Amino acid sequence: ALKGLVEQHGGKMKHVKPHGALYNTAYQ
C-alpha cells in the first residue's frame, strides 16, 4: 500500500521499520 502510493507520487520507498508492539515482538 505504501510502496504503491510513494511510487505514484514519484518517490521510492527505501526501508521498513515495524511499529510498536510488532517492532518489539520481532526481536523476541
mmCIF file of all heavy atoms, coordinates in Angstrom:
data_MODEL
# 
_entry.id   MODEL 
# 
loop_
_atom_site.group_PDB 
_atom_site.id 
_atom_site.type_symbol 
_atom_site.label_atom_id 
_atom_site.label_alt_id 
_atom_site.label_comp_id 
_atom_site.label_asym_id 
_atom_site.label_entity_id 
_atom_site.label_seq_id 
_atom_site.pdbx_PDB_ins_code 
_atom_site.Cartn_x 
_atom_site.Cartn_y 
_atom_site.Cartn_z 
_atom_site.occupancy 
_atom_site.B_iso_or_equiv 
_atom_site.pdbx_formal_charge 
_atom_site.auth_seq_id 
_atom_site.auth_comp_id 
_atom_site.auth_asym_id 
_atom_site.auth_atom_id 
_atom_site.pdbx_PDB_model_num 
ATOM 1   N N   . ALA A 1 1  ? 0.831  -1.206  0.000  1.00 0.00 ? 1  ALA A N   1 
ATOM 2   C CA  . ALA A 1 1  ? 0.000  0.000   0.000  1.00 0.00 ? 1  ALA A CA  1 
ATOM 3   C C   . ALA A 1 1  ? 0.862  1.251   0.000  1.00 0.00 ? 1  ALA A C   1 
ATOM 4   O O   . ALA A 1 1  ? 0.663  2.173   -0.805 1.00 0.00 ? 1  ALA A O   1 
ATOM 5   C CB  . ALA A 1 1  ? -0.940 -0.004  1.210  1.00 0.00 ? 1  ALA A CB  1 
ATOM 6   N N   . LEU A 1 2  ? 1.849  1.290   0.899  1.00 0.00 ? 2  LEU A N   1 
ATOM 7   C CA  . LEU A 1 2  ? 2.695  2.477   0.975  1.00 0.00 ? 2  LEU A CA  1 
ATOM 8   C C   . LEU A 1 2  ? 3.609  2.583   -0.244 1.00 0.00 ? 2  LEU A C   1 
ATOM 9   O O   . LEU A 1 2  ? 3.767  3.664   -0.825 1.00 0.00 ? 2  LEU A O   1 
ATOM 10  C CB  . LEU A 1 2  ? 3.526  2.475   2.253  1.00 0.00 ? 2  LEU A CB  1 
ATOM 11  C CG  . LEU A 1 2  ? 4.270  3.791   2.486  1.00 0.00 ? 2  LEU A CG  1 
ATOM 12  C CD1 . LEU A 1 2  ? 3.299  4.936   2.738  1.00 0.00 ? 2  LEU A CD1 1 
ATOM 13  C CD2 . LEU A 1 2  ? 5.253  3.685   3.636  1.00 0.00 ? 2  LEU A CD2 1 
ATOM 14  N N   . LYS A 1 3  ? 4.182  1.473   -0.640 1.00 0.00 ? 3  LYS A N   1 
ATOM 15  C CA  . LYS A 1 3  ? 5.082  1.463   -1.802 1.00 0.00 ? 3  LYS A CA  1 
ATOM 16  C C   . LYS A 1 3  ? 4.371  1.990   -3.041 1.00 0.00 ? 3  LYS A C   1 
ATOM 17  O O   . LYS A 1 3  ? 4.901  2.820   -3.798 1.00 0.00 ? 3  LYS A O   1 
ATOM 18  C CB  . LYS A 1 3  ? 5.608  0.051   -2.054 1.00 0.00 ? 3  LYS A CB  1 
ATOM 19  C CG  . LYS A 1 3  ? 6.608  -0.075  -3.201 1.00 0.00 ? 3  LYS A CG  1 
ATOM 20  C CD  . LYS A 1 3  ? 7.147  -1.498  -3.257 1.00 0.00 ? 3  LYS A CD  1 
ATOM 21  C CE  . LYS A 1 3  ? 8.239  -1.650  -4.312 1.00 0.00 ? 3  LYS A CE  1 
ATOM 22  N NZ  . LYS A 1 3  ? 7.710  -1.571  -5.675 1.00 0.00 ? 3  LYS A NZ  1 
ATOM 23  N N   . GLY A 1 4  ? 3.139  1.521   -3.265 1.00 0.00 ? 4  GLY A N   1 
ATOM 24  C CA  . GLY A 1 4  ? 2.383  1.960   -4.433 1.00 0.00 ? 4  GLY A CA  1 
ATOM 25  C C   . GLY A 1 4  ? 2.089  3.443   -4.410 1.00 0.00 ? 4  GLY A C   1 
ATOM 26  O O   . GLY A 1 4  ? 2.218  4.138   -5.433 1.00 0.00 ? 4  GLY A O   1 
ATOM 27  N N   . LEU A 1 5  ? 1.720  3.965   -3.244 1.00 0.00 ? 5  LEU A N   1 
ATOM 28  C CA  . LEU A 1 5  ? 1.421  5.391   -3.137 1.00 0.00 ? 5  LEU A CA  1 
ATOM 29  C C   . LEU A 1 5  ? 2.683  6.243   -3.292 1.00 0.00 ? 5  LEU A C   1 
ATOM 30  O O   . LEU A 1 5  ? 2.657  7.299   -3.934 1.00 0.00 ? 5  LEU A O   1 
ATOM 31  C CB  . LEU A 1 5  ? 0.749  5.687   -1.792 1.00 0.00 ? 5  LEU A CB  1 
ATOM 32  C CG  . LEU A 1 5  ? -0.699 5.207   -1.653 1.00 0.00 ? 5  LEU A CG  1 
ATOM 33  C CD1 . LEU A 1 5  ? -1.183 5.401   -0.218 1.00 0.00 ? 5  LEU A CD1 1 
ATOM 34  C CD2 . LEU A 1 5  ? -1.616 5.945   -2.619 1.00 0.00 ? 5  LEU A CD2 1 
ATOM 35  N N   . VAL A 1 6  ? 3.781  5.785   -2.704 1.00 0.00 ? 6  VAL A N   1 
ATOM 36  C CA  . VAL A 1 6  ? 5.041  6.526   -2.848 1.00 0.00 ? 6  VAL A CA  1 
ATOM 37  C C   . VAL A 1 6  ? 5.437  6.613   -4.319 1.00 0.00 ? 6  VAL A C   1 
ATOM 38  O O   . VAL A 1 6  ? 5.804  7.692   -4.816 1.00 0.00 ? 6  VAL A O   1 
ATOM 39  C CB  . VAL A 1 6  ? 6.167  5.856   -2.022 1.00 0.00 ? 6  VAL A CB  1 
ATOM 40  C CG1 . VAL A 1 6  ? 7.519  6.497   -2.346 1.00 0.00 ? 6  VAL A CG1 1 
ATOM 41  C CG2 . VAL A 1 6  ? 5.885  5.970   -0.532 1.00 0.00 ? 6  VAL A CG2 1 
ATOM 42  N N   . GLU A 1 7  ? 5.351  5.514   -5.021 1.00 0.00 ? 7  GLU A N   1 
ATOM 43  C CA  . GLU A 1 7  ? 5.737  5.498   -6.434 1.00 0.00 ? 7  GLU A CA  1 
ATOM 44  C C   . GLU A 1 7  ? 4.776  6.322   -7.281 1.00 0.00 ? 7  GLU A C   1 
ATOM 45  O O   . GLU A 1 7  ? 5.182  6.994   -8.235 1.00 0.00 ? 7  GLU A O   1 
ATOM 46  C CB  . GLU A 1 7  ? 5.807  4.057   -6.932 1.00 0.00 ? 7  GLU A CB  1 
ATOM 47  C CG  . GLU A 1 7  ? 6.973  3.289   -6.302 1.00 0.00 ? 7  GLU A CG  1 
ATOM 48  C CD  . GLU A 1 7  ? 6.988  1.818   -6.664 1.00 0.00 ? 7  GLU A CD  1 
ATOM 49  O OE1 . GLU A 1 7  ? 6.026  1.352   -7.347 1.00 0.00 ? 7  GLU A OE1 1 
ATOM 50  O OE2 . GLU A 1 7  ? 7.945  1.126   -6.271 1.00 0.00 ? 7  GLU A OE2 1 
ATOM 51  N N   . GLN A 1 8  ? 3.490  6.321   -6.917 1.00 0.00 ? 8  GLN A N   1 
ATOM 52  C CA  . GLN A 1 8  ? 2.521  7.121   -7.652 1.00 0.00 ? 8  GLN A CA  1 
ATOM 53  C C   . GLN A 1 8  ? 2.824  8.604   -7.511 1.00 0.00 ? 8  GLN A C   1 
ATOM 54  O O   . GLN A 1 8  ? 2.550  9.400   -8.401 1.00 0.00 ? 8  GLN A O   1 
ATOM 55  C CB  . GLN A 1 8  ? 1.106  6.798   -7.129 1.00 0.00 ? 8  GLN A CB  1 
ATOM 56  C CG  . GLN A 1 8  ? -0.035 7.264   -8.030 1.00 0.00 ? 8  GLN A CG  1 
ATOM 57  C CD  . GLN A 1 8  ? -0.434 8.715   -7.767 1.00 0.00 ? 8  GLN A CD  1 
ATOM 58  O OE1 . GLN A 1 8  ? -0.287 9.205   -6.650 1.00 0.00 ? 8  GLN A OE1 1 
ATOM 59  N NE2 . GLN A 1 8  ? -0.937 9.382   -8.789 1.00 0.00 ? 8  GLN A NE2 1 
ATOM 60  N N   . HIS A 1 9  ? 3.452  8.972   -6.387 1.00 0.00 ? 9  HIS A N   1 
ATOM 61  C CA  . HIS A 1 9  ? 3.807  10.370  -6.146 1.00 0.00 ? 9  HIS A CA  1 
ATOM 62  C C   . HIS A 1 9  ? 5.220  10.700  -6.631 1.00 0.00 ? 9  HIS A C   1 
ATOM 63  O O   . HIS A 1 9  ? 5.721  11.794  -6.370 1.00 0.00 ? 9  HIS A O   1 
ATOM 64  C CB  . HIS A 1 9  ? 3.661  10.695  -4.662 1.00 0.00 ? 9  HIS A CB  1 
ATOM 65  C CG  . HIS A 1 9  ? 2.238  10.880  -4.223 1.00 0.00 ? 9  HIS A CG  1 
ATOM 66  N ND1 . HIS A 1 9  ? 1.706  12.097  -3.882 1.00 0.00 ? 9  HIS A ND1 1 
ATOM 67  C CD2 . HIS A 1 9  ? 1.212  9.985   -4.088 1.00 0.00 ? 9  HIS A CD2 1 
ATOM 68  C CE1 . HIS A 1 9  ? 0.429  11.957  -3.550 1.00 0.00 ? 9  HIS A CE1 1 
ATOM 69  N NE2 . HIS A 1 9  ? 0.111  10.683  -3.663 1.00 0.00 ? 9  HIS A NE2 1 
ATOM 70  N N   . GLY A 1 10 ? 5.848  9.743   -7.296 1.00 0.00 ? 10 GLY A N   1 
ATOM 71  C CA  . GLY A 1 10 ? 7.157  9.999   -7.893 1.00 0.00 ? 10 GLY A CA  1 
ATOM 72  C C   . GLY A 1 10 ? 8.344  9.711   -7.000 1.00 0.00 ? 10 GLY A C   1 
ATOM 73  O O   . GLY A 1 10 ? 9.469  10.119  -7.309 1.00 0.00 ? 10 GLY A O   1 
ATOM 74  N N   . GLY A 1 11 ? 8.133  8.999   -5.907 1.00 0.00 ? 11 GLY A N   1 
ATOM 75  C CA  . GLY A 1 11 ? 9.225  8.681   -4.998 1.00 0.00 ? 11 GLY A CA  1 
ATOM 76  C C   . GLY A 1 11 ? 9.557  7.201   -4.991 1.00 0.00 ? 11 GLY A C   1 
ATOM 77  O O   . GLY A 1 11 ? 9.060  6.429   -5.809 1.00 0.00 ? 11 GLY A O   1 
ATOM 78  N N   . LYS A 1 12 ? 10.416 6.818   -4.048 1.00 0.00 ? 12 LYS A N   1 
ATOM 79  C CA  . LYS A 1 12 ? 10.801 5.419   -3.896 1.00 0.00 ? 12 LYS A CA  1 
ATOM 80  C C   . LYS A 1 12 ? 10.885 5.081   -2.417 1.00 0.00 ? 12 LYS A C   1 
ATOM 81  O O   . LYS A 1 12 ? 11.508 5.814   -1.640 1.00 0.00 ? 12 LYS A O   1 
ATOM 82  C CB  . LYS A 1 12 ? 12.153 5.146   -4.559 1.00 0.00 ? 12 LYS A CB  1 
ATOM 83  C CG  . LYS A 1 12 ? 12.577 3.689   -4.494 1.00 0.00 ? 12 LYS A CG  1 
ATOM 84  C CD  . LYS A 1 12 ? 13.883 3.456   -5.231 1.00 0.00 ? 12 LYS A CD  1 
ATOM 85  C CE  . LYS A 1 12 ? 14.268 1.972   -5.174 1.00 0.00 ? 12 LYS A CE  1 
ATOM 86  N NZ  . LYS A 1 12 ? 15.557 1.720   -5.879 1.00 0.00 ? 12 LYS A NZ  1 
ATOM 87  N N   . MET A 1 13 ? 10.259 3.987   -2.026 1.00 0.00 ? 13 MET A N   1 
ATOM 88  C CA  . MET A 1 13 ? 10.318 3.543   -0.641 1.00 0.00 ? 13 MET A CA  1 
ATOM 89  C C   . MET A 1 13 ? 11.658 2.865   -0.399 1.00 0.00 ? 13 MET A C   1 
ATOM 90  O O   . MET A 1 13 ? 12.061 1.989   -1.166 1.00 0.00 ? 13 MET A O   1 
ATOM 91  C CB  . MET A 1 13 ? 9.159  2.588   -0.342 1.00 0.00 ? 13 MET A CB  1 
ATOM 92  C CG  . MET A 1 13 ? 8.979  2.285   1.126  1.00 0.00 ? 13 MET A CG  1 
ATOM 93  S SD  . MET A 1 13 ? 7.395  1.458   1.457  1.00 0.00 ? 13 MET A SD  1 
ATOM 94  C CE  . MET A 1 13 ? 7.825  -0.243  1.079  1.00 0.00 ? 13 MET A CE  1 
ATOM 95  N N   . LYS A 1 14 ? 12.352 3.270   0.675  1.00 0.00 ? 14 LYS A N   1 
ATOM 96  C CA  . LYS A 1 14 ? 13.710 2.779   0.910  1.00 0.00 ? 14 LYS A CA  1 
ATOM 97  C C   . LYS A 1 14 ? 13.845 1.770   2.052  1.00 0.00 ? 14 LYS A C   1 
ATOM 98  O O   . LYS A 1 14 ? 14.768 0.957   2.045  1.00 0.00 ? 14 LYS A O   1 
ATOM 99  C CB  . LYS A 1 14 ? 14.636 3.969   1.206  1.00 0.00 ? 14 LYS A CB  1 
ATOM 100 C CG  . LYS A 1 14 ? 14.724 5.004   0.096  1.00 0.00 ? 14 LYS A CG  1 
ATOM 101 C CD  . LYS A 1 14 ? 15.424 4.463   -1.122 1.00 0.00 ? 14 LYS A CD  1 
ATOM 102 C CE  . LYS A 1 14 ? 15.600 5.529   -2.203 1.00 0.00 ? 14 LYS A CE  1 
ATOM 103 N NZ  . LYS A 1 14 ? 16.462 6.656   -1.782 1.00 0.00 ? 14 LYS A NZ  1 
ATOM 104 N N   . HIS A 1 15 ? 12.958 1.839   3.047  1.00 0.00 ? 15 HIS A N   1 
ATOM 105 C CA  . HIS A 1 15 ? 13.159 0.988   4.211  1.00 0.00 ? 15 HIS A CA  1 
ATOM 106 C C   . HIS A 1 15 ? 11.840 0.605   4.869  1.00 0.00 ? 15 HIS A C   1 
ATOM 107 O O   . HIS A 1 15 ? 10.778 1.106   4.500  1.00 0.00 ? 15 HIS A O   1 
ATOM 108 C CB  . HIS A 1 15 ? 14.073 1.677   5.236  1.00 0.00 ? 15 HIS A CB  1 
ATOM 109 C CG  . HIS A 1 15 ? 13.476 2.897   5.861  1.00 0.00 ? 15 HIS A CG  1 
ATOM 110 N ND1 . HIS A 1 15 ? 13.555 4.158   5.309  1.00 0.00 ? 15 HIS A ND1 1 
ATOM 111 C CD2 . HIS A 1 15 ? 12.778 3.071   7.037  1.00 0.00 ? 15 HIS A CD2 1 
ATOM 112 C CE1 . HIS A 1 15 ? 12.960 5.035   6.076  1.00 0.00 ? 15 HIS A CE1 1 
ATOM 113 N NE2 . HIS A 1 15 ? 12.465 4.395   7.147  1.00 0.00 ? 15 HIS A NE2 1 
ATOM 114 N N   . VAL A 1 16 ? 11.946 -0.282  5.845  1.00 0.00 ? 16 VAL A N   1 
ATOM 115 C CA  . VAL A 1 16 ? 10.796 -0.737  6.632  1.00 0.00 ? 16 VAL A CA  1 
ATOM 116 C C   . VAL A 1 16 ? 11.189 -0.725  8.103  1.00 0.00 ? 16 VAL A C   1 
ATOM 117 O O   . VAL A 1 16 ? 12.224 -1.273  8.484  1.00 0.00 ? 16 VAL A O   1 
ATOM 118 C CB  . VAL A 1 16 ? 10.370 -2.169  6.243  1.00 0.00 ? 16 VAL A CB  1 
ATOM 119 C CG1 . VAL A 1 16 ? 9.224  -2.650  7.130  1.00 0.00 ? 16 VAL A CG1 1 
ATOM 120 C CG2 . VAL A 1 16 ? 9.992  -2.251  4.776  1.00 0.00 ? 16 VAL A CG2 1 
ATOM 121 N N   . LYS A 1 17 ? 10.361 -0.081  8.910  1.00 0.00 ? 17 LYS A N   1 
ATOM 122 C CA  . LYS A 1 17 ? 10.564 -0.115  10.350 1.00 0.00 ? 17 LYS A CA  1 
ATOM 123 C C   . LYS A 1 17 ? 9.247  -0.534  11.006 1.00 0.00 ? 17 LYS A C   1 
ATOM 124 O O   . LYS A 1 17 ? 8.279  0.229   11.006 1.00 0.00 ? 17 LYS A O   1 
ATOM 125 C CB  . LYS A 1 17 ? 10.991 1.251   10.890 1.00 0.00 ? 17 LYS A CB  1 
ATOM 126 C CG  . LYS A 1 17 ? 11.127 1.246   12.420 1.00 0.00 ? 17 LYS A CG  1 
ATOM 127 C CD  . LYS A 1 17 ? 11.329 2.643   12.966 1.00 0.00 ? 17 LYS A CD  1 
ATOM 128 C CE  . LYS A 1 17 ? 11.120 2.658   14.476 1.00 0.00 ? 17 LYS A CE  1 
ATOM 129 N NZ  . LYS A 1 17 ? 11.234 4.015   15.044 1.00 0.00 ? 17 LYS A NZ  1 
ATOM 130 N N   . PRO A 1 18 ? 9.163  -1.748  11.550 1.00 0.00 ? 18 PRO A N   1 
ATOM 131 C CA  . PRO A 1 18 ? 7.942  -2.164  12.238 1.00 0.00 ? 18 PRO A CA  1 
ATOM 132 C C   . PRO A 1 18 ? 7.612  -1.199  13.372 1.00 0.00 ? 18 PRO A C   1 
ATOM 133 O O   . PRO A 1 18 ? 8.505  -0.578  13.958 1.00 0.00 ? 18 PRO A O   1 
ATOM 134 C CB  . PRO A 1 18 ? 8.292  -3.557  12.769 1.00 0.00 ? 18 PRO A CB  1 
ATOM 135 C CG  . PRO A 1 18 ? 9.381  -4.041  11.852 1.00 0.00 ? 18 PRO A CG  1 
ATOM 136 C CD  . PRO A 1 18 ? 10.177 -2.816  11.519 1.00 0.00 ? 18 PRO A CD  1 
ATOM 137 N N   . HIS A 1 19 ? 6.335  -1.089  13.673 1.00 0.00 ? 19 HIS A N   1 
ATOM 138 C CA  . HIS A 1 19 ? 5.871  -0.147  14.694 1.00 0.00 ? 19 HIS A CA  1 
ATOM 139 C C   . HIS A 1 19 ? 5.536  -0.837  16.010 1.00 0.00 ? 19 HIS A C   1 
ATOM 140 O O   . HIS A 1 19 ? 5.027  -1.960  16.034 1.00 0.00 ? 19 HIS A O   1 
ATOM 141 C CB  . HIS A 1 19 ? 4.608  0.568   14.197 1.00 0.00 ? 19 HIS A CB  1 
ATOM 142 C CG  . HIS A 1 19 ? 3.873  1.331   15.265 1.00 0.00 ? 19 HIS A CG  1 
ATOM 143 N ND1 . HIS A 1 19 ? 4.281  2.556   15.726 1.00 0.00 ? 19 HIS A ND1 1 
ATOM 144 C CD2 . HIS A 1 19 ? 2.761  1.008   15.985 1.00 0.00 ? 19 HIS A CD2 1 
ATOM 145 C CE1 . HIS A 1 19 ? 3.460  2.968   16.675 1.00 0.00 ? 19 HIS A CE1 1 
ATOM 146 N NE2 . HIS A 1 19 ? 2.527  2.052   16.849 1.00 0.00 ? 19 HIS A NE2 1 
ATOM 147 N N   . GLY A 1 20 ? 5.809  -0.140  17.109 1.00 0.00 ? 20 GLY A N   1 
ATOM 148 C CA  . GLY A 1 20 ? 5.292  -0.517  18.419 1.00 0.00 ? 20 GLY A CA  1 
ATOM 149 C C   . GLY A 1 20 ? 5.517  -1.955  18.834 1.00 0.00 ? 20 GLY A C   1 
ATOM 150 O O   . GLY A 1 20 ? 6.647  -2.454  18.860 1.00 0.00 ? 20 GLY A O   1 
ATOM 151 N N   . ALA A 1 21 ? 4.420  -2.622  19.158 1.00 0.00 ? 21 ALA A N   1 
ATOM 152 C CA  . ALA A 1 21 ? 4.498  -3.998  19.642 1.00 0.00 ? 21 ALA A CA  1 
ATOM 153 C C   . ALA A 1 21 ? 5.070  -4.940  18.595 1.00 0.00 ? 21 ALA A C   1 
ATOM 154 O O   . ALA A 1 21 ? 5.754  -5.916  18.937 1.00 0.00 ? 21 ALA A O   1 
ATOM 155 C CB  . ALA A 1 21 ? 3.115  -4.476  20.078 1.00 0.00 ? 21 ALA A CB  1 
ATOM 156 N N   . LEU A 1 22 ? 4.829  -4.667  17.331 1.00 0.00 ? 22 LEU A N   1 
ATOM 157 C CA  . LEU A 1 22 ? 5.375  -5.519  16.274 1.00 0.00 ? 22 LEU A CA  1 
ATOM 158 C C   . LEU A 1 22 ? 6.895  -5.398  16.255 1.00 0.00 ? 22 LEU A C   1 
ATOM 159 O O   . LEU A 1 22 ? 7.602  -6.396  16.096 1.00 0.00 ? 22 LEU A O   1 
ATOM 160 C CB  . LEU A 1 22 ? 4.782  -5.124  14.919 1.00 0.00 ? 22 LEU A CB  1 
ATOM 161 C CG  . LEU A 1 22 ? 5.211  -5.977  13.720 1.00 0.00 ? 22 LEU A CG  1 
ATOM 162 C CD1 . LEU A 1 22 ? 4.807  -7.433  13.904 1.00 0.00 ? 22 LEU A CD1 1 
ATOM 163 C CD2 . LEU A 1 22 ? 4.607  -5.421  12.428 1.00 0.00 ? 22 LEU A CD2 1 
ATOM 164 N N   . TYR A 1 23 ? 7.408  -4.197  16.413 1.00 0.00 ? 23 TYR A N   1 
ATOM 165 C CA  . TYR A 1 23 ? 8.855  -3.945  16.466 1.00 0.00 ? 23 TYR A CA  1 
ATOM 166 C C   . TYR A 1 23 ? 9.482  -4.729  17.610 1.00 0.00 ? 23 TYR A C   1 
ATOM 167 O O   . TYR A 1 23 ? 10.480 -5.444  17.424 1.00 0.00 ? 23 TYR A O   1 
ATOM 168 C CB  . TYR A 1 23 ? 9.070  -2.445  16.647 1.00 0.00 ? 23 TYR A CB  1 
ATOM 169 C CG  . TYR A 1 23 ? 10.505 -1.960  16.694 1.00 0.00 ? 23 TYR A CG  1 
ATOM 170 C CD1 . TYR A 1 23 ? 11.118 -1.420  15.562 1.00 0.00 ? 23 TYR A CD1 1 
ATOM 171 C CD2 . TYR A 1 23 ? 11.232 -1.969  17.888 1.00 0.00 ? 23 TYR A CD2 1 
ATOM 172 C CE1 . TYR A 1 23 ? 12.418 -0.919  15.617 1.00 0.00 ? 23 TYR A CE1 1 
ATOM 173 C CE2 . TYR A 1 23 ? 12.521 -1.480  17.951 1.00 0.00 ? 23 TYR A CE2 1 
ATOM 174 C CZ  . TYR A 1 23 ? 13.114 -0.951  16.805 1.00 0.00 ? 23 TYR A CZ  1 
ATOM 175 O OH  . TYR A 1 23 ? 14.405 -0.462  16.870 1.00 0.00 ? 23 TYR A OH  1 
ATOM 176 N N   . ASN A 1 24 ? 8.909  -4.601  18.795 1.00 0.00 ? 24 ASN A N   1 
ATOM 177 C CA  . ASN A 1 24 ? 9.481  -5.264  19.970 1.00 0.00 ? 24 ASN A CA  1 
ATOM 178 C C   . ASN A 1 24 ? 9.353  -6.781  19.895 1.00 0.00 ? 24 ASN A C   1 
ATOM 179 O O   . ASN A 1 24 ? 10.290 -7.513  20.245 1.00 0.00 ? 24 ASN A O   1 
ATOM 180 C CB  . ASN A 1 24 ? 8.809  -4.743  21.239 1.00 0.00 ? 24 ASN A CB  1 
ATOM 181 C CG  . ASN A 1 24 ? 9.108  -3.275  21.492 1.00 0.00 ? 24 ASN A CG  1 
ATOM 182 O OD1 . ASN A 1 24 ? 10.213 -2.802  21.225 1.00 0.00 ? 24 ASN A OD1 1 
ATOM 183 N ND2 . ASN A 1 24 ? 8.133  -2.538  22.004 1.00 0.00 ? 24 ASN A ND2 1 
ATOM 184 N N   . THR A 1 25 ? 8.216  -7.264  19.437 1.00 0.00 ? 25 THR A N   1 
ATOM 185 C CA  . THR A 1 25 ? 7.993  -8.709  19.366 1.00 0.00 ? 25 THR A CA  1 
ATOM 186 C C   . THR A 1 25 ? 8.911  -9.370  18.358 1.00 0.00 ? 25 THR A C   1 
ATOM 187 O O   . THR A 1 25 ? 9.374  -10.503 18.557 1.00 0.00 ? 25 THR A O   1 
ATOM 188 C CB  . THR A 1 25 ? 6.520  -9.008  19.005 1.00 0.00 ? 25 THR A CB  1 
ATOM 189 O OG1 . THR A 1 25 ? 5.663  -8.352  19.937 1.00 0.00 ? 25 THR A OG1 1 
ATOM 190 C CG2 . THR A 1 25 ? 6.250  -10.502 19.033 1.00 0.00 ? 25 THR A CG2 1 
ATOM 191 N N   . ALA A 1 26 ? 9.207  -8.658  17.268 1.00 0.00 ? 26 ALA A N   1 
ATOM 192 C CA  . ALA A 1 26 ? 10.034 -9.236  16.203 1.00 0.00 ? 26 ALA A CA  1 
ATOM 193 C C   . ALA A 1 26 ? 11.407 -9.651  16.706 1.00 0.00 ? 26 ALA A C   1 
ATOM 194 O O   . ALA A 1 26 ? 11.999 -10.608 16.185 1.00 0.00 ? 26 ALA A O   1 
ATOM 195 C CB  . ALA A 1 26 ? 10.181 -8.237  15.060 1.00 0.00 ? 26 ALA A CB  1 
ATOM 196 N N   . TYR A 1 27 ? 11.921 -8.974  17.717 1.00 0.00 ? 27 TYR A N   1 
ATOM 197 C CA  . TYR A 1 27 ? 13.259 -9.286  18.203 1.00 0.00 ? 27 TYR A CA  1 
ATOM 198 C C   . TYR A 1 27 ? 13.223 -10.113 19.480 1.00 0.00 ? 27 TYR A C   1 
ATOM 199 O O   . TYR A 1 27 ? 14.240 -10.291 20.141 1.00 0.00 ? 27 TYR A O   1 
ATOM 200 C CB  . TYR A 1 27 ? 14.050 -7.975  18.344 1.00 0.00 ? 27 TYR A CB  1 
ATOM 201 C CG  . TYR A 1 27 ? 13.991 -7.234  17.034 1.00 0.00 ? 27 TYR A CG  1 
ATOM 202 C CD1 . TYR A 1 27 ? 13.187 -6.116  16.873 1.00 0.00 ? 27 TYR A CD1 1 
ATOM 203 C CD2 . TYR A 1 27 ? 14.632 -7.738  15.907 1.00 0.00 ? 27 TYR A CD2 1 
ATOM 204 C CE1 . TYR A 1 27 ? 13.065 -5.494  15.635 1.00 0.00 ? 27 TYR A CE1 1 
ATOM 205 C CE2 . TYR A 1 27 ? 14.518 -7.120  14.664 1.00 0.00 ? 27 TYR A CE2 1 
ATOM 206 C CZ  . TYR A 1 27 ? 13.740 -6.002  14.537 1.00 0.00 ? 27 TYR A CZ  1 
ATOM 207 O OH  . TYR A 1 27 ? 13.600 -5.400  13.304 1.00 0.00 ? 27 TYR A OH  1 
ATOM 208 N N   . GLN A 1 28 ? 12.022 -10.645 19.775 1.00 0.00 ? 28 GLN A N   1 
ATOM 209 C CA  . GLN A 1 28 ? 11.853 -11.576 20.885 1.00 0.00 ? 28 GLN A CA  1 
ATOM 210 C C   . GLN A 1 28 ? 11.332 -12.925 20.404 1.00 0.00 ? 28 GLN A C   1 
ATOM 211 O O   . GLN A 1 28 ? 11.630 -13.956 21.004 1.00 0.00 ? 28 GLN A O   1 
ATOM 212 C CB  . GLN A 1 28 ? 10.875 -10.988 21.911 1.00 0.00 ? 28 GLN A CB  1 
ATOM 213 C CG  . GLN A 1 28 ? 11.359 -9.691  22.541 1.00 0.00 ? 28 GLN A CG  1 
ATOM 214 C CD  . GLN A 1 28 ? 10.277 -8.986  23.348 1.00 0.00 ? 28 GLN A CD  1 
ATOM 215 O OE1 . GLN A 1 28 ? 9.132  -9.430  23.385 1.00 0.00 ? 28 GLN A OE1 1 
ATOM 216 N NE2 . GLN A 1 28 ? 10.625 -7.889  23.980 1.00 0.00 ? 28 GLN A NE2 1 
# 
